[in-house]
């Protein structure tokens, strides 16, 4: 599916463009945003390289990686980043993740991002299972994933190496027959 353009009541997922570098760097370069992630705050050059990889992966056949801009529908401003990566070890499965600007936190936008990713995965890509992980210290992310209809599956012990130490991950998943698109989420081909 290219280009991706999935809409919700307040947000849109679309392909990343080279003009998104500064807006995305403001997010991925922020230590508060990356605190619970498995990556350090990124430099502008690293964000530029990531966007370049995103543009390349968007044109791959088959496409296995969806690195997308989260855009506020009203202001048309990039406020976050979302990704869906097809799982190379499981048929019809993918992992998802997202990050949003701190000034947007606490407004339910993360829940909408998860729903938009599920719409992409289940309705456009025909997936059976979508899963996500979070840091044990990121309780807000856990609430977001549960509110979006995911189920907490368990803990992967010492899953990622961050800041010189091993860290566990809490896992969540949702199956295609469990997920219901909330009102306002575009599940057909959107433009």
C-alpha atoms as a PDB file:
ATOM      1  CA  UNK A   1       0.000   0.000   0.000  1.00  0.00           C
ATOM      2  CA  UNK A   2       1.571   3.242  -1.146  1.00  0.00           C
ATOM      3  CA  UNK A   3       1.043   5.999  -0.398  1.00  0.00           C
ATOM      4  CA  UNK A   4      -0.499   5.508   3.043  1.00  0.00           C
ATOM      5  CA  UNK A   5      -3.178   8.016   3.960  1.00  0.00           C
ATOM      6  CA  UNK A   6      -5.396   6.877   6.842  1.00  0.00           C
ATOM      7  CA  UNK A   7      -7.616   9.353   8.662  1.00  0.00           C
ATOM      8  CA  UNK A   8      -9.304   9.540  12.033  1.00  0.00           C
ATOM      9  CA  UNK A   9     -11.409  12.154  13.801  1.00  0.00           C
ATOM     10  CA  UNK A  10      -8.381  14.307  14.704  1.00  0.00           C
ATOM     11  CA  UNK A  11      -5.348  12.693  13.088  1.00  0.00           C
ATOM     12  CA  UNK A  12      -3.983  11.438   9.806  1.00  0.00           C
ATOM     13  CA  UNK A  13      -1.215   8.926   9.095  1.00  0.00           C
ATOM     14  CA  UNK A  14       0.699   9.745   5.928  1.00  0.00           C
ATOM     15  CA  UNK A  15       4.060   9.013   4.356  1.00  0.00           C
ATOM     16  CA  UNK A  16       7.051  10.953   5.677  1.00  0.00           C
ATOM     17  CA  UNK A  17       8.573  13.591   3.359  1.00  0.00           C
ATOM     18  CA  UNK A  18      12.005  15.217   3.347  1.00  0.00           C
ATOM     19  CA  UNK A  19      10.351  18.493   4.415  1.00  0.00           C
ATOM     20  CA  UNK A  20       9.383  16.800   7.738  1.00  0.00           C
ATOM     21  CA  UNK A  21      12.959  16.761   9.079  1.00  0.00           C
ATOM     22  CA  UNK A  22      12.689  19.732  11.459  1.00  0.00           C
ATOM     23  CA  UNK A  23       9.263  18.807  12.845  1.00  0.00           C
ATOM     24  CA  UNK A  24      10.292  15.175  13.360  1.00  0.00           C
ATOM     25  CA  UNK A  25      13.628  16.165  14.888  1.00  0.00           C
ATOM     26  CA  UNK A  26      11.750  18.295  17.444  1.00  0.00           C
ATOM     27  CA  UNK A  27      10.088  15.028  18.555  1.00  0.00           C
ATOM     28  CA  UNK A  28      12.792  12.387  18.151  1.00  0.00           C
ATOM     29  CA  UNK A  29      15.482  14.723  19.475  1.00  0.00           C
ATOM     30  CA  UNK A  30      13.552  15.399  22.701  1.00  0.00           C
ATOM     31  CA  UNK A  31      14.866  13.496  25.748  1.00  0.00           C
ATOM     32  CA  UNK A  32      11.387  13.480  27.347  1.00  0.00           C
ATOM     33  CA  UNK A  33       9.937  11.744  24.277  1.00  0.00           C
ATOM     34  CA  UNK A  34      12.687   9.118  24.012  1.00  0.00           C
ATOM     35  CA  UNK A  35      13.038   8.488  27.768  1.00  0.00           C
ATOM     36  CA  UNK A  36      11.150   5.176  27.631  1.00  0.00           C
ATOM     37  CA  UNK A  37      12.213   4.242  24.097  1.00  0.00           C
ATOM     38  CA  UNK A  38      15.039   1.973  23.068  1.00  0.00           C
ATOM     39  CA  UNK A  39      16.747   4.888  21.317  1.00  0.00           C
ATOM     40  CA  UNK A  40      18.641   7.948  22.459  1.00  0.00           C
ATOM     41  CA  UNK A  41      17.487  11.422  21.374  1.00  0.00           C
ATOM     42  CA  UNK A  42      18.347  11.667  17.684  1.00  0.00           C
ATOM     43  CA  UNK A  43      20.398  14.313  15.952  1.00  0.00           C
ATOM     44  CA  UNK A  44      18.975  16.194  12.984  1.00  0.00           C
ATOM     45  CA  UNK A  45      21.228  14.158  10.693  1.00  0.00           C
ATOM     46  CA  UNK A  46      19.935  10.882  12.176  1.00  0.00           C
ATOM     47  CA  UNK A  47      16.341  12.027  11.617  1.00  0.00           C
ATOM     48  CA  UNK A  48      17.217  13.027   8.047  1.00  0.00           C
ATOM     49  CA  UNK A  49      18.665   9.543   7.487  1.00  0.00           C
ATOM     50  CA  UNK A  50      15.578   7.878   9.039  1.00  0.00           C
ATOM     51  CA  UNK A  51      13.274   9.828   6.725  1.00  0.00           C
ATOM     52  CA  UNK A  52      15.414   8.811   3.757  1.00  0.00           C
ATOM     53  CA  UNK A  53      15.093   5.138   4.855  1.00  0.00           C
ATOM     54  CA  UNK A  54      11.332   5.653   5.209  1.00  0.00           C
ATOM     55  CA  UNK A  55      11.035   6.970   1.658  1.00  0.00           C
ATOM     56  CA  UNK A  56      13.079   4.022   0.365  1.00  0.00           C
ATOM     57  CA  UNK A  57      11.040   1.457   2.351  1.00  0.00           C
ATOM     58  CA  UNK A  58       7.776   2.995   1.108  1.00  0.00           C
ATOM     59  CA  UNK A  59       8.740   2.015  -2.421  1.00  0.00           C
ATOM     60  CA  UNK A  60       9.998  -1.478  -1.591  1.00  0.00           C
ATOM     61  CA  UNK A  61       8.304  -4.531  -3.058  1.00  0.00           C
ATOM     62  CA  UNK A  62       7.121  -6.155  -0.930  1.00  0.00           C
ATOM     63  CA  UNK A  63       6.766  -3.377   1.591  1.00  0.00           C
ATOM     64  CA  UNK A  64       7.520  -4.574   5.124  1.00  0.00           C
ATOM     65  CA  UNK A  65       8.065  -1.309   7.005  1.00  0.00           C
ATOM     66  CA  UNK A  66       5.633   1.585   7.366  1.00  0.00           C
ATOM     67  CA  UNK A  67       7.297   4.640   8.952  1.00  0.00           C
ATOM     68  CA  UNK A  68       4.622   7.327   8.973  1.00  0.00           C
ATOM     69  CA  UNK A  69       3.994  10.919   9.969  1.00  0.00           C
ATOM     70  CA  UNK A  70       1.223  11.605  12.480  1.00  0.00           C
ATOM     71  CA  UNK A  71      -0.456  14.818  11.388  1.00  0.00           C
ATOM     72  CA  UNK A  72      -3.080  16.873  13.212  1.00  0.00           C
ATOM     73  CA  UNK A  73      -5.939  17.010  10.689  1.00  0.00           C
ATOM     74  CA  UNK A  74      -7.048  20.516  11.613  1.00  0.00           C
ATOM     75  CA  UNK A  75      -3.706  22.357  11.569  1.00  0.00           C
ATOM     76  CA  UNK A  76      -2.016  19.965   9.077  1.00  0.00           C
ATOM     77  CA  UNK A  77       0.974  19.943  11.435  1.00  0.00           C
ATOM     78  CA  UNK A  78       3.242  16.945  12.049  1.00  0.00           C
ATOM     79  CA  UNK A  79       2.861  16.095  15.743  1.00  0.00           C
ATOM     80  CA  UNK A  80       4.287  12.591  15.834  1.00  0.00           C
ATOM     81  CA  UNK A  81       5.687   9.483  14.276  1.00  0.00           C
ATOM     82  CA  UNK A  82       4.161   6.004  13.981  1.00  0.00           C
ATOM     83  CA  UNK A  83       5.461   2.754  12.588  1.00  0.00           C
ATOM     84  CA  UNK A  84       4.139  -0.647  11.669  1.00  0.00           C
ATOM     85  CA  UNK A  85       6.708  -3.334  10.880  1.00  0.00           C
ATOM     86  CA  UNK A  86       5.664  -6.665   9.442  1.00  0.00           C
ATOM     87  CA  UNK A  87       7.007  -9.471  11.618  1.00  0.00           C
ATOM     88  CA  UNK A  88       9.476 -11.565   9.582  1.00  0.00           C
ATOM     89  CA  UNK A  89       9.001 -14.540  11.928  1.00  0.00           C
ATOM     90  CA  UNK A  90       5.209 -14.674  12.131  1.00  0.00           C
ATOM     91  CA  UNK A  91       2.734 -14.843   9.301  1.00  0.00           C
ATOM     92  CA  UNK A  92       0.263 -11.936   9.050  1.00  0.00           C
ATOM     93  CA  UNK A  93       1.635 -10.197  12.156  1.00  0.00           C
ATOM     94  CA  UNK A  94       3.263  -6.819  12.829  1.00  0.00           C
ATOM     95  CA  UNK A  95       4.663  -4.697  15.620  1.00  0.00           C
ATOM     96  CA  UNK A  96       3.630  -1.087  16.098  1.00  0.00           C
ATOM     97  CA  UNK A  97       5.072   1.916  17.870  1.00  0.00           C
ATOM     98  CA  UNK A  98       4.574   5.658  18.042  1.00  0.00           C
ATOM     99  CA  UNK A  99       5.827   8.869  19.616  1.00  0.00           C
ATOM    100  CA  UNK A 100       4.065  12.208  19.950  1.00  0.00           C
ATOM    101  CA  UNK A 101       5.112  15.750  20.804  1.00  0.00           C
ATOM    102  CA  UNK A 102       4.930  16.283  24.594  1.00  0.00           C
ATOM    103  CA  UNK A 103       2.469  19.182  24.248  1.00  0.00           C
ATOM    104  CA  UNK A 104      -0.063  16.699  22.792  1.00  0.00           C
ATOM    105  CA  UNK A 105       0.180  14.134  25.603  1.00  0.00           C
ATOM    106  CA  UNK A 106      -2.880  13.370  27.740  1.00  0.00           C
ATOM    107  CA  UNK A 107      -5.472  14.198  25.061  1.00  0.00           C
ATOM    108  CA  UNK A 108      -6.181  10.670  23.780  1.00  0.00           C
ATOM    109  CA  UNK A 109      -4.209  11.156  20.577  1.00  0.00           C
ATOM    110  CA  UNK A 110      -2.023   8.105  21.278  1.00  0.00           C
ATOM    111  CA  UNK A 111      -5.148   5.945  21.389  1.00  0.00           C
ATOM    112  CA  UNK A 112      -6.207   7.333  18.018  1.00  0.00           C
ATOM    113  CA  UNK A 113      -2.742   6.603  16.580  1.00  0.00           C
ATOM    114  CA  UNK A 114      -3.010   2.965  17.724  1.00  0.00           C
ATOM    115  CA  UNK A 115      -6.448   2.713  16.116  1.00  0.00           C
ATOM    116  CA  UNK A 116      -5.110   4.179  12.863  1.00  0.00           C
ATOM    117  CA  UNK A 117      -2.230   1.676  12.886  1.00  0.00           C
ATOM    118  CA  UNK A 118      -4.727  -1.150  13.506  1.00  0.00           C
ATOM    119  CA  UNK A 119      -6.856   0.091  10.596  1.00  0.00           C
ATOM    120  CA  UNK A 120      -3.771   0.017   8.385  1.00  0.00           C
ATOM    121  CA  UNK A 121      -2.769  -3.449   9.577  1.00  0.00           C
ATOM    122  CA  UNK A 122      -6.111  -5.208   9.698  1.00  0.00           C
ATOM    123  CA  UNK A 123      -8.133  -3.529   6.957  1.00  0.00           C
ATOM    124  CA  UNK A 124      -5.470  -2.572   4.439  1.00  0.00           C
ATOM    125  CA  UNK A 125      -2.768  -5.218   4.944  1.00  0.00           C
ATOM    126  CA  UNK A 126      -4.934  -8.173   6.028  1.00  0.00           C
ATOM    127  CA  UNK A 127      -2.994  -8.890   9.213  1.00  0.00           C
ATOM    128  CA  UNK A 128      -4.135 -11.331  11.890  1.00  0.00           C
ATOM    129  CA  UNK A 129      -2.158 -10.010  14.890  1.00  0.00           C
ATOM    130  CA  UNK A 130      -0.676  -6.657  15.887  1.00  0.00           C
ATOM    131  CA  UNK A 131       1.526  -6.290  18.929  1.00  0.00           C
ATOM    132  CA  UNK A 132       3.454  -3.595  20.788  1.00  0.00           C
ATOM    133  CA  UNK A 133       5.917  -3.288  23.644  1.00  0.00           C
ATOM    134  CA  UNK A 134       6.513  -0.641  26.287  1.00  0.00           C
ATOM    135  CA  UNK A 135       8.985   0.093  29.026  1.00  0.00           C
ATOM    136  CA  UNK A 136       7.745  -1.069  32.460  1.00  0.00           C
ATOM    137  CA  UNK A 137       8.141   2.544  33.648  1.00  0.00           C
ATOM    138  CA  UNK A 138       5.911   3.945  30.900  1.00  0.00           C
ATOM    139  CA  UNK A 139       2.514   3.411  32.536  1.00  0.00           C
ATOM    140  CA  UNK A 140       0.868   6.030  30.277  1.00  0.00           C
ATOM    141  CA  UNK A 141       1.717   3.945  27.210  1.00  0.00           C
ATOM    142  CA  UNK A 142       0.171   0.881  28.860  1.00  0.00           C
ATOM    143  CA  UNK A 143      -3.067   2.774  29.486  1.00  0.00           C
ATOM    144  CA  UNK A 144      -3.095   3.969  25.868  1.00  0.00           C
ATOM    145  CA  UNK A 145      -2.629   0.472  24.447  1.00  0.00           C
ATOM    146  CA  UNK A 146      -5.359  -0.969  26.691  1.00  0.00           C
ATOM    147  CA  UNK A 147      -7.756   1.866  25.840  1.00  0.00           C
ATOM    148  CA  UNK A 148      -7.178   1.141  22.131  1.00  0.00           C
ATOM    149  CA  UNK A 149      -8.358  -2.441  22.651  1.00  0.00           C
ATOM    150  CA  UNK A 150      -5.082  -4.279  23.079  1.00  0.00           C
ATOM    151  CA  UNK A 151      -4.542  -6.943  25.737  1.00  0.00           C
ATOM    152  CA  UNK A 152      -1.496  -7.111  28.007  1.00  0.00           C
ATOM    153  CA  UNK A 153       0.265 -10.371  27.165  1.00  0.00           C
ATOM    154  CA  UNK A 154       3.188 -10.368  29.558  1.00  0.00           C
ATOM    155  CA  UNK A 155       6.801  -9.412  30.073  1.00  0.00           C
ATOM    156  CA  UNK A 156       9.908 -10.105  28.025  1.00  0.00           C
ATOM    157  CA  UNK A 157      12.748 -10.122  30.526  1.00  0.00           C
ATOM    158  CA  UNK A 158      15.877  -8.111  29.697  1.00  0.00           C
ATOM    159  CA  UNK A 159      14.570  -7.494  26.189  1.00  0.00           C
ATOM    160  CA  UNK A 160      16.467  -4.339  25.191  1.00  0.00           C
ATOM    161  CA  UNK A 161      19.817  -2.807  26.118  1.00  0.00           C
ATOM    162  CA  UNK A 162      19.293   0.883  26.935  1.00  0.00           C
ATOM    163  CA  UNK A 163      21.590   3.353  28.702  1.00  0.00           C
ATOM    164  CA  UNK A 164      24.125   0.639  29.512  1.00  0.00           C
ATOM    165  CA  UNK A 165      21.645  -1.760  31.117  1.00  0.00           C
ATOM    166  CA  UNK A 166      19.156  -4.448  30.153  1.00  0.00           C
ATOM    167  CA  UNK A 167      15.485  -3.492  30.365  1.00  0.00           C
ATOM    168  CA  UNK A 168      12.333  -5.601  30.343  1.00  0.00           C
ATOM    169  CA  UNK A 169       9.449  -4.932  27.944  1.00  0.00           C
ATOM    170  CA  UNK A 170       5.725  -5.330  28.614  1.00  0.00           C
ATOM    171  CA  UNK A 171       3.907  -6.743  25.582  1.00  0.00           C
ATOM    172  CA  UNK A 172       0.390  -6.101  24.263  1.00  0.00           C
ATOM    173  CA  UNK A 173      -1.506  -7.501  21.308  1.00  0.00           C
ATOM    174  CA  UNK A 174      -4.813  -7.417  19.491  1.00  0.00           C
ATOM    175  CA  UNK A 175      -6.205  -9.872  16.935  1.00  0.00           C
ATOM    176  CA  UNK A 176      -8.136  -8.865  13.829  1.00  0.00           C
ATOM    177  CA  UNK A 177     -11.404 -10.400  15.107  1.00  0.00           C
ATOM    178  CA  UNK A 178     -11.048  -8.546  18.448  1.00  0.00           C
ATOM    179  CA  UNK A 179     -10.416  -5.035  17.143  1.00  0.00           C
ATOM    180  CA  UNK A 180     -13.302  -2.735  16.330  1.00  0.00           C
ATOM    181  CA  UNK A 181     -12.687   0.511  14.480  1.00  0.00           C
ATOM    182  CA  UNK A 182     -14.136   3.368  16.516  1.00  0.00           C
ATOM    183  CA  UNK A 183     -16.387   5.889  14.826  1.00  0.00           C
ATOM    184  CA  UNK A 184     -14.457   8.260  12.601  1.00  0.00           C
ATOM    185  CA  UNK A 185     -11.573   5.917  11.763  1.00  0.00           C
ATOM    186  CA  UNK A 186     -11.328   5.461   7.992  1.00  0.00           C
ATOM    187  CA  UNK A 187     -10.970   1.740   7.280  1.00  0.00           C
ATOM    188  CA  UNK A 188     -11.502   1.824   3.533  1.00  0.00           C
ATOM    189  CA  UNK A 189      -9.152   3.404   1.009  1.00  0.00           C
ATOM    190  CA  UNK A 190      -8.812   7.004   2.148  1.00  0.00           C
ATOM    191  CA  UNK A 191      -7.586   9.991   0.253  1.00  0.00           C
END
